[in-house]
Amino acid sequence: MDEETFNLSIRKFLKVVGVNSQREIEQAVARALADGTLAGNEHLPVSVTLELAAVKLQARFDGEIRLG
């Protein structure tokens, strides 16, 4: 296994996940604020599940997004 190639491909994947996840969250929160579902001062629980089926990896990461 080429460690450099491996690490670079992980970083590339995580960058795509990070950028796209942020955009999706921002758009969903903007819609919820616009339609009155959110007031703008909430703390929102959030989770992500990472799955890599080839090596039977499934990991959940929990956190919180604060609006105010």
N, C-alpha and C. Protein backbone atom coordinates (compact mmCIF):
# COMPACT_ATOMS: atom_id res chain seq x y z
N MET A 1 0.84 -1.17 0.00
CA MET A 1 0.00 0.00 0.00
C MET A 1 0.89 1.24 0.00
N ASP A 2 0.50 2.22 -0.77
CA ASP A 2 1.22 3.48 -0.83
C ASP A 2 0.58 4.43 0.19
N GLU A 3 1.26 4.67 1.30
CA GLU A 3 0.72 5.50 2.39
C GLU A 3 0.37 6.91 1.94
N GLU A 4 1.21 7.49 1.09
CA GLU A 4 0.96 8.87 0.63
C GLU A 4 -0.32 8.93 -0.20
N THR A 5 -0.48 8.00 -1.12
CA THR A 5 -1.70 7.95 -1.95
C THR A 5 -2.92 7.73 -1.07
N PHE A 6 -2.80 6.82 -0.12
CA PHE A 6 -3.88 6.51 0.81
C PHE A 6 -4.30 7.76 1.59
N ASN A 7 -3.33 8.44 2.20
CA ASN A 7 -3.63 9.63 3.00
C ASN A 7 -4.19 10.76 2.15
N LEU A 8 -3.66 10.96 0.97
CA LEU A 8 -4.17 12.01 0.08
C LEU A 8 -5.61 11.73 -0.34
N SER A 9 -5.93 10.47 -0.61
CA SER A 9 -7.29 10.15 -1.02
C SER A 9 -8.27 10.30 0.14
N ILE A 10 -7.84 10.00 1.36
CA ILE A 10 -8.69 10.23 2.53
C ILE A 10 -8.95 11.72 2.69
N ARG A 11 -7.91 12.52 2.60
CA ARG A 11 -8.07 13.97 2.74
C ARG A 11 -8.99 14.54 1.67
N LYS A 12 -8.84 14.07 0.45
CA LYS A 12 -9.69 14.54 -0.65
C LYS A 12 -11.16 14.19 -0.37
N PHE A 13 -11.40 12.97 0.08
CA PHE A 13 -12.76 12.56 0.40
C PHE A 13 -13.34 13.41 1.53
N LEU A 14 -12.56 13.61 2.59
CA LEU A 14 -13.04 14.40 3.73
C LEU A 14 -13.29 15.85 3.36
N LYS A 15 -12.50 16.39 2.45
CA LYS A 15 -12.74 17.76 1.99
C LYS A 15 -14.07 17.85 1.26
N VAL A 16 -14.34 16.90 0.39
CA VAL A 16 -15.62 16.87 -0.33
C VAL A 16 -16.78 16.75 0.65
N VAL A 17 -16.64 15.86 1.62
CA VAL A 17 -17.68 15.68 2.63
C VAL A 17 -17.88 16.97 3.42
N GLY A 18 -16.81 17.59 3.85
CA GLY A 18 -16.90 18.81 4.64
C GLY A 18 -17.56 19.95 3.91
N VAL A 19 -17.12 20.21 2.69
CA VAL A 19 -17.66 21.32 1.89
C VAL A 19 -19.13 21.07 1.57
N ASN A 20 -19.45 19.88 1.11
CA ASN A 20 -20.84 19.59 0.74
C ASN A 20 -21.76 19.53 1.95
N SER A 21 -21.28 18.99 3.05
CA SER A 21 -22.09 18.94 4.27
C SER A 21 -22.39 20.34 4.78
N GLN A 22 -21.39 21.20 4.76
CA GLN A 22 -21.61 22.57 5.23
C GLN A 22 -22.67 23.27 4.37
N ARG A 23 -22.58 23.11 3.07
CA ARG A 23 -23.55 23.73 2.16
C ARG A 23 -24.96 23.20 2.43
N GLU A 24 -25.09 21.90 2.59
CA GLU A 24 -26.40 21.30 2.85
C GLU A 24 -27.00 21.80 4.17
N ILE A 25 -26.15 21.87 5.20
CA ILE A 25 -26.62 22.35 6.50
C ILE A 25 -27.05 23.81 6.40
N GLU A 26 -26.23 24.64 5.77
CA GLU A 26 -26.56 26.06 5.63
C GLU A 26 -27.88 26.25 4.89
N GLN A 27 -28.08 25.51 3.81
CA GLN A 27 -29.32 25.64 3.04
C GLN A 27 -30.53 25.17 3.83
N ALA A 28 -30.40 24.07 4.55
CA ALA A 28 -31.52 23.55 5.34
C ALA A 28 -31.88 24.51 6.48
N VAL A 29 -30.87 25.07 7.14
CA VAL A 29 -31.13 26.03 8.22
C VAL A 29 -31.76 27.29 7.65
N ALA A 30 -31.28 27.78 6.52
CA ALA A 30 -31.86 28.98 5.90
C ALA A 30 -33.34 28.76 5.56
N ARG A 31 -33.67 27.59 5.02
CA ARG A 31 -35.08 27.28 4.73
C ARG A 31 -35.91 27.24 5.99
N ALA A 32 -35.38 26.61 7.04
CA ALA A 32 -36.11 26.49 8.30
C ALA A 32 -36.30 27.86 8.96
N LEU A 33 -35.32 28.73 8.84
CA LEU A 33 -35.47 30.09 9.37
C LEU A 33 -36.52 30.85 8.57
N ALA A 34 -36.48 30.70 7.25
CA ALA A 34 -37.42 31.41 6.39
C ALA A 34 -38.87 30.97 6.61
N ASP A 35 -39.08 29.69 6.87
CA ASP A 35 -40.46 29.22 7.05
C ASP A 35 -40.90 29.22 8.51
N GLY A 36 -40.04 29.69 9.40
CA GLY A 36 -40.41 29.83 10.80
C GLY A 36 -40.24 28.58 11.64
N THR A 37 -39.69 27.53 11.06
CA THR A 37 -39.44 26.30 11.82
C THR A 37 -38.40 26.52 12.91
N LEU A 38 -37.42 27.36 12.61
CA LEU A 38 -36.38 27.71 13.58
C LEU A 38 -36.45 29.21 13.88
N ALA A 39 -36.13 29.56 15.13
CA ALA A 39 -36.14 30.96 15.54
C ALA A 39 -34.77 31.62 15.33
N GLY A 40 -33.72 30.82 15.32
CA GLY A 40 -32.39 31.35 15.11
C GLY A 40 -31.50 31.32 16.34
N ASN A 41 -32.01 30.77 17.44
CA ASN A 41 -31.20 30.70 18.66
C ASN A 41 -31.05 29.26 19.17
N GLU A 42 -31.40 28.31 18.34
CA GLU A 42 -31.39 26.90 18.73
C GLU A 42 -29.98 26.31 18.78
N HIS A 43 -29.90 25.20 19.50
CA HIS A 43 -28.74 24.32 19.48
C HIS A 43 -29.26 23.03 18.87
N LEU A 44 -28.74 22.66 17.71
CA LEU A 44 -29.28 21.53 16.96
C LEU A 44 -28.37 20.31 17.06
N PRO A 45 -28.88 19.19 17.57
CA PRO A 45 -28.07 17.98 17.58
C PRO A 45 -27.83 17.52 16.14
N VAL A 46 -26.65 17.01 15.88
CA VAL A 46 -26.30 16.57 14.54
C VAL A 46 -25.49 15.28 14.65
N SER A 47 -25.64 14.42 13.65
CA SER A 47 -24.84 13.20 13.61
C SER A 47 -24.47 12.87 12.17
N VAL A 48 -23.38 12.17 12.03
CA VAL A 48 -22.90 11.70 10.74
C VAL A 48 -22.50 10.25 10.91
N THR A 49 -22.88 9.43 9.95
CA THR A 49 -22.45 8.04 9.96
C THR A 49 -21.52 7.81 8.78
N LEU A 50 -20.34 7.32 9.08
CA LEU A 50 -19.34 7.01 8.07
C LEU A 50 -19.37 5.51 7.82
N GLU A 51 -19.49 5.14 6.56
CA GLU A 51 -19.52 3.71 6.23
C GLU A 51 -18.50 3.42 5.14
N LEU A 52 -17.70 2.42 5.39
CA LEU A 52 -16.74 1.92 4.41
C LEU A 52 -16.96 0.41 4.36
N ALA A 53 -17.88 0.01 3.50
CA ALA A 53 -18.37 -1.37 3.47
C ALA A 53 -17.27 -2.40 3.24
N ALA A 54 -16.28 -2.07 2.42
CA ALA A 54 -15.25 -3.05 2.07
C ALA A 54 -14.47 -3.55 3.28
N VAL A 55 -14.40 -2.73 4.33
CA VAL A 55 -13.68 -3.15 5.54
C VAL A 55 -14.61 -3.21 6.75
N LYS A 56 -15.90 -3.23 6.47
CA LYS A 56 -16.93 -3.35 7.50
C LYS A 56 -16.80 -2.28 8.59
N LEU A 57 -16.55 -1.04 8.13
CA LEU A 57 -16.47 0.09 9.05
C LEU A 57 -17.79 0.84 9.03
N GLN A 58 -18.31 1.08 10.21
CA GLN A 58 -19.46 1.96 10.37
C GLN A 58 -19.24 2.71 11.67
N ALA A 59 -19.06 4.03 11.57
CA ALA A 59 -18.77 4.85 12.75
C ALA A 59 -19.70 6.05 12.76
N ARG A 60 -20.26 6.34 13.92
CA ARG A 60 -21.17 7.47 14.08
C ARG A 60 -20.46 8.56 14.87
N PHE A 61 -20.65 9.79 14.42
CA PHE A 61 -20.08 10.96 15.08
C PHE A 61 -21.22 11.90 15.42
N ASP A 62 -21.31 12.31 16.68
CA ASP A 62 -22.39 13.17 17.15
C ASP A 62 -21.82 14.54 17.55
N GLY A 63 -22.65 15.56 17.41
CA GLY A 63 -22.24 16.88 17.79
C GLY A 63 -23.43 17.81 17.91
N GLU A 64 -23.15 19.08 17.87
CA GLU A 64 -24.18 20.09 18.02
C GLU A 64 -23.83 21.29 17.15
N ILE A 65 -24.85 21.84 16.50
CA ILE A 65 -24.70 23.07 15.73
C ILE A 65 -25.50 24.15 16.45
N ARG A 66 -24.82 25.22 16.81
CA ARG A 66 -25.46 26.31 17.55
C ARG A 66 -25.78 27.46 16.60
N LEU A 67 -26.99 27.93 16.67
CA LEU A 67 -27.40 29.05 15.82
C LEU A 67 -27.27 30.39 16.54
N GLY A 68 -27.27 30.36 17.83
CA GLY A 68 -27.21 31.63 18.54
C GLY A 68 -26.54 31.46 19.88
